[in-house]
Structure formats: structure tokens, C-alpha cells
Amino acid sequence: MPLNIDQLATFAAIVKAGSLGRAAIALNMTQPALSRAMKRLEHQLGVELFERHSKGIQLTEIGKAFLPYATSLQAEANQALEEIRALRGAAKGTVRVGAVASIASSILPQAIGNTLQASPGLRFDVVEGVWDLLAAGLAKHEIDIALGAETADTDEIVAIRDCCWTDTSRVVAAVGHPLARRPRLTLADTLEERWTIPPQGTGPHQHLERIFAGQGLGLPDIVVRTRSITVLKSLVVGSGFLSWMAEPMFEPERRAGLIAPLAIPGIDGGRTLMAFRRRRGSLPLPSHKFLDALRKLTSVQDRRAQPGL
């Protein structure tokens, strides 16, 4: 007998709740009925998915291996139902997209607007965050598309290679920072300043490492590492910190006369940005519509950025 959506939903609810009692409440079922449902699933699969003990339940090794497949199957089934409802006119569909801060403050709003012009019935669930959190959300089916800096494909996530564009990152400081007034500034001049950037393993941190290594320098004095864009900007504006930001990310503060890029020659802060999806499974139709709008928008912007155009 094949698996059904209810079985997958029940399994996922038990994993999330960590106990049959809490899962039964979430599913509006009695605990005995839920226990019987899980026993039927385990009998059908011929394996035990959970270990029962006095303090609750936990996944067996087989259960851990089954979890990503069950999550993917459940998401695919829900996606199919949503698209059928959309085709019948009962629903219009939702684009679930995540983006790093520089994209969320620039390209993403324009792409959403252009998508809604062509498909006004769509809805958007948008997540902003650093790349490692977006990648995890993509793998867990919390979002369907992630927008970030170019990176290697993994077993779970792959780049959509025909949907890419570029931007530039700069060393930034408050407008009144002493380095902003220094002539013939070099990257070495920033080494003793206080810095704030996202933590190790994130795209901005790795980008900054490459920039300093390219000039034969170690990393500067990074005093504060944070994933919060608000904290980064506040430390730059209010506490004299330096930071490394993509231009779209600090453009509002530059227009307001609060943050300015430092004029440091010889730094190539360019990077390639891309859209990413899960390796397995199909992409929902609403996401395809969003990608079409994003491709058109970024191709026009990249042509404008080329010399002579």
C-alpha cells in the first residue's frame, strides 16, 4: 500500500512535537488513535521509526533517514494540491522566497512588483537572512527559492544558473569617521579600526577574507560579529565601526548622509548573485513566474552596468 499525505503529516507532526501527546493535540486526535496510525505506518514500512521511552519518543536511525524523504513527499503533495486549486480558480498560489539583505533591499522588491503585474493573484512569503539560514530553510521546504551570492552546489541545493546578476561590496564607515577624510587611504589603514561583520561561514565574512588575503593582509580587528543588519548599520553610524556591505544594502543610509563607502583603490568587491532551489522535486508554478520576472529584471540591469550600454 502506498504512503498517503495523512501518514506523512502525522509522522512530521510527531517529529516536530517530540511526543505523542503534544502531536495528538496539534492534530486534534486522541493519543491512542495517533499511536495506532504510527504503528500502521511502521508495519507498512516494515521498520520502527521511533524509539519509545519514559520521557517521550525519538527517531531511530531509520526514522532519521526517512525524515527528509517524508518531508519532501509531504511538501510535493501539498504543492500539487495548491497548484490544482489554482488551476481551478480556488487559489492563486504563493511564492516562498528568501534573500540575503542586499538583495532583499534592492532587486527583490522590484522582482515582486513585476511578478504581480503579470500575475496579480499571487501572494508572497518573504524571508530575509544570512545565507546559511536561507540554505537550511530551502532544504527544510520552508522556502522554495533562495537568493544569495554564488556558491557551490550541495547534495540538497543547486543554483539556477540562468538567473544570475552582479553587485559590488565596499568598506563602509559613518560619514564623519576619521578615515573618510584621510587622503590616499589603503586597506592596511583599516586594520586597527573596530569592525563589525556577519559571523564566520557567511558570504560577507568569506568575501572580506578574500579581499584582505588578496592584498597579503590578515583580517582586521573584528570586534562584533552579528547576523543582524540593523545592528551592523547602527554600529557603523553610531559607534564608529567599519563594515563590509553590498552597495544596495547601505544605499538608504548613503542617501540620508549617514554612511559612505571609503575610497580605497585596488579593491574588487564585485560578486555574482544567483537564485537557488532544492535539488530534488519540482519547483511550484508560482515560483516559476517569479523567476521569469527576476530573469528579465536582472538581465536588463546587468546590460546597463556594462560599459558603453
Protein backbone atom coordinates (compact mmCIF):
# COMPACT_ATOMS: atom_id res chain seq x y z
CA MET A 1 0.00 0.00 0.00
CA PRO A 2 1.48 3.39 -0.97
CA LEU A 3 2.07 6.17 1.53
CA ASN A 4 -0.57 8.89 1.77
CA ILE A 5 -0.47 12.55 2.75
CA ASP A 6 -2.12 11.98 6.12
CA GLN A 7 0.54 9.45 7.12
CA LEU A 8 3.31 11.85 6.16
CA ALA A 9 1.66 14.73 8.02
CA THR A 10 1.21 12.55 11.11
CA PHE A 11 4.84 11.42 11.06
CA ALA A 12 6.09 15.01 10.62
CA ALA A 13 3.85 16.26 13.46
CA ILE A 14 5.20 13.66 15.89
CA VAL A 15 8.80 14.55 14.98
CA LYS A 16 8.11 18.25 15.46
CA ALA A 17 6.24 17.80 18.76
CA GLY A 18 8.67 15.30 20.26
CA SER A 19 5.90 13.33 21.95
CA LEU A 20 2.67 11.56 21.01
CA GLY A 21 0.68 13.65 23.48
CA ARG A 22 1.73 17.01 22.06
CA ALA A 23 1.36 15.74 18.49
CA ALA A 24 -2.13 14.44 19.22
CA ILE A 25 -3.15 17.89 20.49
CA ALA A 26 -1.68 19.58 17.39
CA LEU A 27 -3.50 17.15 15.08
CA ASN A 28 -6.75 17.20 17.11
CA MET A 29 -6.56 13.44 17.58
CA THR A 30 -6.66 11.17 20.59
CA GLN A 31 -3.29 9.78 21.63
CA PRO A 32 -4.36 6.13 21.15
CA ALA A 33 -5.59 6.91 17.62
CA LEU A 34 -2.31 8.62 16.80
CA SER A 35 -0.31 5.72 18.23
CA ARG A 36 -2.29 3.26 16.08
CA ALA A 37 -1.67 5.39 12.99
CA MET A 38 2.07 5.33 13.59
CA LYS A 39 2.02 1.60 14.24
CA ARG A 40 0.28 1.09 10.89
CA LEU A 41 2.91 3.20 9.12
CA GLU A 42 5.76 1.30 10.78
CA HIS A 43 4.09 -2.04 9.90
CA GLN A 44 3.65 -0.88 6.32
CA LEU A 45 7.33 0.09 6.07
CA GLY A 46 8.48 -2.97 7.98
CA VAL A 47 10.68 -0.91 10.33
CA GLU A 48 10.49 1.00 13.60
CA LEU A 49 10.63 4.78 13.09
CA PHE A 50 10.54 5.80 16.76
CA GLU A 51 12.07 4.60 20.00
CA ARG A 52 9.65 4.90 22.91
CA HIS A 53 10.94 5.70 26.38
CA SER A 54 9.62 7.19 29.64
CA LYS A 55 10.37 10.80 28.69
CA GLY A 56 8.90 10.66 25.19
CA ILE A 57 9.99 9.35 21.83
CA GLN A 58 12.91 9.87 19.48
CA LEU A 59 13.69 8.83 15.93
CA THR A 60 15.53 5.62 15.23
CA GLU A 61 18.39 5.72 12.74
CA ILE A 62 15.96 4.52 10.07
CA GLY A 63 13.50 7.19 11.16
CA LYS A 64 16.18 9.86 10.76
CA ALA A 65 16.92 8.59 7.26
CA PHE A 66 13.21 8.55 6.39
CA LEU A 67 12.54 12.09 7.67
CA PRO A 68 13.92 14.15 4.72
CA TYR A 69 12.07 11.96 2.23
CA ALA A 70 8.83 12.21 4.19
CA THR A 71 9.23 16.00 4.42
CA SER A 72 9.88 16.24 0.69
CA LEU A 73 6.96 13.99 -0.23
CA GLN A 74 4.60 15.94 2.01
CA ALA A 75 5.74 19.25 0.55
CA GLU A 76 5.38 17.93 -3.02
CA ALA A 77 1.88 16.66 -2.27
CA ASN A 78 0.82 19.97 -0.72
CA GLN A 79 2.33 21.80 -3.68
CA ALA A 80 0.37 19.64 -6.11
CA LEU A 81 -2.88 20.32 -4.25
CA GLU A 82 -2.18 24.07 -4.23
CA GLU A 83 -1.50 24.13 -7.95
CA ILE A 84 -4.66 22.13 -8.68
CA ARG A 85 -6.69 24.62 -6.63
CA ALA A 86 -5.01 27.46 -8.52
CA LEU A 87 -5.88 25.89 -11.89
CA ARG A 88 -9.49 25.52 -10.72
CA GLY A 89 -9.54 29.17 -9.68
CA ALA A 90 -9.91 28.37 -5.97
CA ALA A 91 -6.48 29.77 -5.11
CA LYS A 92 -3.75 31.79 -6.80
CA GLY A 93 -0.63 30.33 -5.26
CA THR A 94 2.19 31.58 -3.03
CA VAL A 95 5.82 32.34 -3.82
CA ARG A 96 8.01 31.45 -0.84
CA VAL A 97 11.34 33.17 -1.30
CA GLY A 98 14.32 34.01 0.92
CA ALA A 99 17.06 36.56 0.22
CA VAL A 100 20.20 37.98 1.77
CA ALA A 101 19.86 41.58 2.94
CA SER A 102 21.41 43.31 -0.07
CA ILE A 103 19.02 41.52 -2.43
CA ALA A 104 16.03 41.96 -0.12
CA SER A 105 16.58 45.73 -0.18
CA SER A 106 17.10 46.09 -3.93
CA ILE A 107 16.30 43.51 -6.61
CA LEU A 108 13.71 41.52 -4.67
CA PRO A 109 11.07 44.27 -4.24
CA GLN A 110 11.31 45.14 -7.93
CA ALA A 111 11.01 41.48 -8.95
CA ILE A 112 7.96 41.04 -6.70
CA GLY A 113 6.32 44.10 -8.22
CA ASN A 114 6.98 42.92 -11.77
CA THR A 115 5.67 39.43 -10.95
CA LEU A 116 2.44 40.84 -9.54
CA GLN A 117 1.93 42.99 -12.62
CA ALA A 118 1.84 39.83 -14.73
CA SER A 119 0.11 37.62 -12.12
CA PRO A 120 -1.82 39.87 -9.71
CA GLY A 121 -3.39 36.98 -7.80
CA LEU A 122 -0.13 35.62 -6.39
CA ARG A 123 0.93 36.02 -2.77
CA PHE A 124 4.47 36.17 -1.35
CA ASP A 125 6.03 34.82 1.83
CA VAL A 126 9.44 36.53 2.13
CA VAL A 127 12.31 35.67 4.50
CA GLU A 128 15.43 37.82 4.91
CA GLY A 129 18.57 36.33 6.43
CA VAL A 130 22.20 35.33 6.03
CA TRP A 131 22.95 32.54 3.59
CA ASP A 132 23.36 29.61 5.97
CA LEU A 133 19.87 30.19 7.40
CA LEU A 134 18.35 30.54 3.92
CA ALA A 135 20.03 27.33 2.75
CA ALA A 136 18.61 25.50 5.77
CA GLY A 137 15.15 26.92 5.06
CA LEU A 138 15.37 25.77 1.46
CA ALA A 139 16.40 22.25 2.47
CA LYS A 140 13.53 22.09 5.00
CA HIS A 141 10.93 23.23 2.43
CA GLU A 142 10.29 26.43 4.37
CA ILE A 143 11.06 28.40 1.20
CA ASP A 144 11.20 27.34 -2.45
CA ILE A 145 13.74 29.84 -3.81
CA ALA A 146 16.77 31.37 -2.11
CA LEU A 147 18.65 34.41 -3.45
CA GLY A 148 22.28 34.87 -2.44
CA ALA A 149 25.90 35.05 -3.54
CA GLU A 150 27.28 32.40 -5.88
CA THR A 151 28.35 29.27 -4.03
CA ALA A 152 28.97 25.61 -4.79
CA ASP A 153 26.04 23.25 -5.26
CA THR A 154 25.39 20.73 -2.49
CA ASP A 155 23.57 17.42 -2.24
CA GLU A 156 20.38 19.33 -1.41
CA ILE A 157 20.67 22.76 -3.10
CA VAL A 158 21.58 23.76 -6.65
CA ALA A 159 21.96 27.10 -8.40
CA ILE A 160 19.61 28.19 -11.16
CA ARG A 161 22.46 29.12 -13.48
CA ASP A 162 20.46 31.21 -15.95
CA CYS A 163 19.20 33.51 -13.18
CA CYS A 164 22.24 35.49 -12.04
CA TRP A 165 23.43 39.09 -11.78
CA THR A 166 26.16 41.12 -10.06
CA ASP A 167 26.65 43.74 -7.37
CA THR A 168 29.57 45.38 -5.54
CA SER A 169 30.54 45.41 -1.86
CA ARG A 170 32.50 48.21 -0.20
CA VAL A 171 34.23 49.08 3.08
CA VAL A 172 31.81 51.50 4.76
CA ALA A 173 32.01 53.96 7.66
CA ALA A 174 29.97 56.75 9.16
CA VAL A 175 30.19 59.95 7.15
CA GLY A 176 32.18 61.67 9.93
CA HIS A 177 34.64 58.80 10.51
CA PRO A 178 38.32 59.95 10.54
CA LEU A 179 39.25 57.54 7.73
CA ALA A 180 36.63 59.12 5.50
CA ARG A 181 38.73 62.31 5.47
CA ARG A 182 42.15 60.67 5.04
CA PRO A 183 43.79 61.05 1.59
CA ARG A 184 45.42 58.10 -0.18
CA LEU A 185 43.68 55.54 2.01
CA THR A 186 44.79 51.88 1.81
CA LEU A 187 43.18 48.69 3.06
CA ALA A 188 46.01 48.32 5.60
CA ASP A 189 44.85 51.59 7.21
CA THR A 190 41.67 49.83 8.36
CA LEU A 191 43.41 47.01 10.24
CA GLU A 192 43.42 48.73 13.64
CA GLU A 193 39.88 50.06 13.38
CA ARG A 194 36.96 48.30 15.04
CA TRP A 195 34.99 46.19 12.60
CA THR A 196 31.56 44.57 12.62
CA ILE A 197 30.56 41.93 10.07
CA PRO A 198 28.43 38.75 9.92
CA PRO A 199 29.98 35.65 11.51
CA GLN A 200 32.37 33.12 10.01
CA GLY A 201 30.89 30.87 7.38
CA THR A 202 28.62 33.58 5.96
CA GLY A 203 29.07 35.05 2.49
CA PRO A 204 30.14 38.56 3.63
CA HIS A 205 32.75 37.14 6.01
CA GLN A 206 34.21 34.87 3.33
CA HIS A 207 34.20 37.74 0.81
CA LEU A 208 36.07 40.01 3.23
CA GLU A 209 38.63 37.26 3.92
CA ARG A 210 39.36 37.04 0.18
CA ILE A 211 39.68 40.82 -0.15
CA PHE A 212 42.26 41.11 2.65
CA ALA A 213 44.12 37.96 1.59
CA GLY A 214 44.31 39.37 -1.94
CA GLN A 215 46.41 42.24 -0.60
CA GLY A 216 48.53 39.99 1.61
CA LEU A 217 46.76 41.04 4.80
CA GLY A 218 45.18 39.18 7.69
CA LEU A 219 41.69 40.03 8.86
CA PRO A 220 41.15 43.36 10.67
CA ASP A 221 40.04 43.73 14.28
CA ILE A 222 36.54 42.25 14.13
CA VAL A 223 35.00 43.23 17.46
CA VAL A 224 31.37 42.41 16.76
CA ARG A 225 30.04 39.56 14.64
CA THR A 226 26.29 39.63 14.13
CA ARG A 227 23.65 38.40 11.69
CA SER A 228 21.51 41.47 12.40
CA ILE A 229 21.62 44.05 9.61
CA THR A 230 20.13 46.62 11.99
CA VAL A 231 22.94 46.08 14.49
CA LEU A 232 25.61 46.29 11.74
CA LYS A 233 24.33 49.62 10.48
CA SER A 234 23.79 51.02 13.98
CA LEU A 235 27.37 50.20 14.97
CA VAL A 236 28.69 51.91 11.83
CA VAL A 237 26.55 55.03 12.23
CA GLY A 238 26.56 55.40 15.99
CA SER A 239 29.74 53.76 17.28
CA GLY A 240 32.42 54.40 14.69
CA PHE A 241 32.75 50.84 13.39
CA LEU A 242 33.77 49.85 9.88
CA SER A 243 31.89 47.16 7.99
CA TRP A 244 31.74 45.37 4.64
CA MET A 245 28.42 45.78 2.84
CA ALA A 246 26.96 45.41 -0.62
CA GLU A 247 26.03 48.78 -2.11
CA PRO A 248 22.26 48.14 -2.25
CA MET A 249 22.30 47.32 1.45
CA PHE A 250 23.55 50.73 2.61
CA GLU A 251 22.10 52.86 -0.19
CA PRO A 252 19.27 54.31 2.00
CA GLU A 253 21.83 55.39 4.63
CA ARG A 254 24.11 56.83 1.95
CA ARG A 255 21.24 58.94 0.58
CA ALA A 256 20.47 60.08 4.12
CA GLY A 257 24.09 61.19 4.65
CA LEU A 258 24.79 58.62 7.37
CA ILE A 259 27.06 56.00 5.76
CA ALA A 260 29.63 56.35 3.00
CA PRO A 261 31.98 53.90 1.26
CA LEU A 262 35.68 54.50 1.91
CA ALA A 263 37.74 55.41 -1.15
CA ILE A 264 40.23 52.53 -1.11
CA PRO A 265 41.83 51.84 -4.51
CA GLY A 266 42.63 48.35 -5.72
CA ILE A 267 39.67 46.57 -4.13
CA ASP A 268 37.46 44.45 -6.36
CA GLY A 269 34.29 43.97 -4.36
CA GLY A 270 32.27 42.54 -7.24
CA ARG A 271 30.35 39.32 -6.72
CA THR A 272 27.86 37.18 -8.61
CA LEU A 273 24.39 36.69 -7.15
CA MET A 274 22.15 33.77 -8.04
CA ALA A 275 18.84 32.07 -7.42
CA PHE A 276 18.90 28.61 -5.81
CA ARG A 277 16.40 25.76 -5.49
CA ARG A 278 16.22 22.29 -3.98
CA ARG A 279 17.94 19.58 -5.99
CA ARG A 280 15.05 17.15 -5.64
CA GLY A 281 11.43 17.77 -6.51
CA SER A 282 9.70 20.19 -8.83
CA LEU A 283 9.51 23.96 -8.48
CA PRO A 284 5.99 25.32 -7.85
CA LEU A 285 4.34 27.18 -10.72
CA PRO A 286 4.17 30.50 -8.77
CA SER A 287 7.94 30.28 -8.23
CA HIS A 288 8.47 29.82 -11.97
CA LYS A 289 6.52 33.05 -12.58
CA PHE A 290 8.67 34.90 -10.06
CA LEU A 291 11.88 33.55 -11.64
CA ASP A 292 10.73 34.72 -15.08
CA ALA A 293 10.29 38.25 -13.73
CA LEU A 294 13.63 38.10 -11.91
CA ARG A 295 15.48 36.94 -15.03
CA LYS A 296 14.07 39.80 -17.11
CA LEU A 297 14.84 42.38 -14.43
CA THR A 298 18.41 41.29 -13.74
CA SER A 299 19.32 40.85 -17.39
CA VAL A 300 18.28 44.45 -18.09
CA GLN A 301 20.22 45.76 -15.07
CA ASP A 302 23.35 43.81 -15.99
CA ARG A 303 23.25 45.14 -19.56
CA ARG A 304 23.01 48.68 -18.21
CA ALA A 305 26.02 48.03 -15.96
CA GLN A 306 28.22 47.03 -18.91
CA PRO A 307 30.49 49.77 -20.34
CA GLY A 308 29.02 51.57 -23.29
CA LEU A 309 25.44 50.49 -22.65
